[in-house]
Amino acid sequence: MKVGQSTSLSDRIDTLRGAFRRAHGWEITRQWSSGPLSTEKRHPNTRHAELDDAERRVLRHARSQYFQLSDWMPTGVNGETETFLGVSFGNLVAYTDVVVRCTGTG
């Protein structure tokens, strides 16, 4: 499972699809977007404080519950600190949904 944010979900999915296929032979089988908070229009080079906070909270939770790819496979993984193994997709999506719903949108 990859946790993160992007200004263009479709572009990011396409990039990840190719990168994960080349590096690990993985395919993207499911995806989820946090809805209004993550789809708010913003300039690609600007940060979004509420989205940054939500992402930090979800990453902290994921690191406490799951194996981080960069720890499990330290060689050949360049900075994969947002990708986790052993994740229950439904559980992490549910957790993220609650975090996003409780995060102010400005």
Protein backbone atom coordinates (compact mmCIF):
# COMPACT_ATOMS: atom_id res chain seq x y z
CA MET A 1 0.00 0.00 0.00
CA LYS A 2 1.29 3.42 -0.94
CA VAL A 3 0.29 6.38 1.23
CA GLY A 4 0.77 9.88 -0.10
CA GLN A 5 -0.67 12.91 -1.77
CA SER A 6 -0.51 14.36 -5.25
CA THR A 7 -1.86 17.28 -7.22
CA SER A 8 -2.88 14.83 -9.96
CA LEU A 9 -4.07 11.42 -8.77
CA SER A 10 -4.29 9.95 -12.27
CA ASP A 11 -0.75 11.07 -13.17
CA ARG A 12 0.59 9.76 -9.87
CA ILE A 13 -1.13 6.39 -10.30
CA ASP A 14 0.32 6.06 -13.82
CA THR A 15 3.81 6.89 -12.52
CA LEU A 16 3.52 4.44 -9.63
CA ARG A 17 2.08 1.74 -11.86
CA GLY A 18 5.17 1.85 -14.09
CA ALA A 19 7.68 2.24 -11.26
CA PHE A 20 6.26 -0.59 -9.15
CA ARG A 21 5.97 -2.88 -12.17
CA ARG A 22 9.61 -2.27 -13.15
CA ALA A 23 11.07 -2.44 -9.63
CA HIS A 24 8.99 -5.21 -8.07
CA GLY A 25 6.69 -6.74 -10.69
CA TRP A 26 3.69 -5.34 -8.78
CA GLU A 27 0.38 -4.24 -10.22
CA ILE A 28 -2.01 -1.69 -8.71
CA THR A 29 -5.18 -3.59 -7.93
CA ARG A 30 -7.08 -1.11 -5.75
CA GLN A 31 -6.93 2.61 -5.15
CA TRP A 32 -8.68 5.09 -2.93
CA SER A 33 -8.80 8.86 -2.74
CA SER A 34 -9.71 10.78 0.39
CA GLY A 35 -12.35 12.78 -1.44
CA PRO A 36 -12.85 16.53 -1.03
CA LEU A 37 -9.67 17.15 0.97
CA SER A 38 -7.44 15.46 -1.58
CA THR A 39 -9.23 16.72 -4.68
CA GLU A 40 -9.20 20.39 -3.71
CA LYS A 41 -7.63 22.32 -6.57
CA ARG A 42 -4.22 23.78 -5.77
CA HIS A 43 -1.08 24.77 -7.59
CA PRO A 44 1.32 21.82 -8.02
CA ASN A 45 4.14 23.59 -6.13
CA THR A 46 2.14 24.65 -3.08
CA ARG A 47 1.54 22.74 0.12
CA HIS A 48 -1.85 22.16 1.69
CA ALA A 49 -1.55 22.30 5.50
CA GLU A 50 -4.59 20.14 6.26
CA LEU A 51 -3.64 17.51 3.70
CA ASP A 52 -0.04 17.52 4.96
CA ASP A 53 -1.31 16.99 8.52
CA ALA A 54 -3.64 14.16 7.47
CA GLU A 55 -0.84 12.49 5.50
CA ARG A 56 1.54 12.71 8.49
CA ARG A 57 -1.08 11.15 10.78
CA VAL A 58 -1.80 8.29 8.39
CA LEU A 59 1.90 7.64 7.79
CA ARG A 60 2.58 7.61 11.54
CA HIS A 61 -0.23 5.09 12.01
CA ALA A 62 0.94 2.92 9.11
CA ARG A 63 4.53 2.91 10.42
CA SER A 64 3.28 1.76 13.82
CA GLN A 65 1.20 -1.10 12.37
CA TYR A 66 2.89 -2.34 9.19
CA PHE A 67 6.26 -3.03 7.57
CA GLN A 68 7.71 -0.10 5.70
CA LEU A 69 9.10 -1.26 2.35
CA SER A 70 12.40 0.60 2.86
CA ASP A 71 12.93 -1.29 6.16
CA TRP A 72 11.93 -4.67 4.78
CA MET A 73 13.97 -4.31 1.60
CA PRO A 74 16.71 -1.76 2.32
CA THR A 75 18.69 -2.35 -0.85
CA GLY A 76 17.28 -1.39 -4.20
CA VAL A 77 14.54 0.77 -2.71
CA ASN A 78 15.08 4.47 -3.19
CA GLY A 79 13.29 6.42 -0.49
CA GLU A 80 10.18 4.24 -0.33
CA THR A 81 9.09 5.51 3.06
CA GLU A 82 5.40 5.71 2.11
CA THR A 83 4.96 2.12 0.91
CA PHE A 84 3.93 -0.59 3.36
CA LEU A 85 3.68 -4.37 3.33
CA GLY A 86 1.22 -6.47 5.29
CA VAL A 87 -1.43 -3.79 5.15
CA SER A 88 -5.13 -4.47 5.35
CA PHE A 89 -6.38 -2.19 2.57
CA GLY A 90 -9.81 -1.83 4.18
CA ASN A 91 -8.43 -1.05 7.63
CA LEU A 92 -6.00 1.62 6.43
CA VAL A 93 -8.64 3.18 4.16
CA ALA A 94 -11.10 3.29 7.09
CA TYR A 95 -8.47 4.88 9.35
CA THR A 96 -7.57 7.42 6.66
CA ASP A 97 -11.22 8.22 6.01
CA VAL A 98 -11.73 9.07 9.69
CA VAL A 99 -8.57 11.21 9.77
CA VAL A 100 -9.65 13.11 6.67
CA ARG A 101 -13.20 13.64 7.94
CA CYS A 102 -11.79 15.03 11.21
CA THR A 103 -9.30 17.32 9.46
CA GLY A 104 -10.38 20.89 8.83
CA THR A 105 -10.53 21.96 5.22
CA GLY A 106 -9.57 25.57 5.78
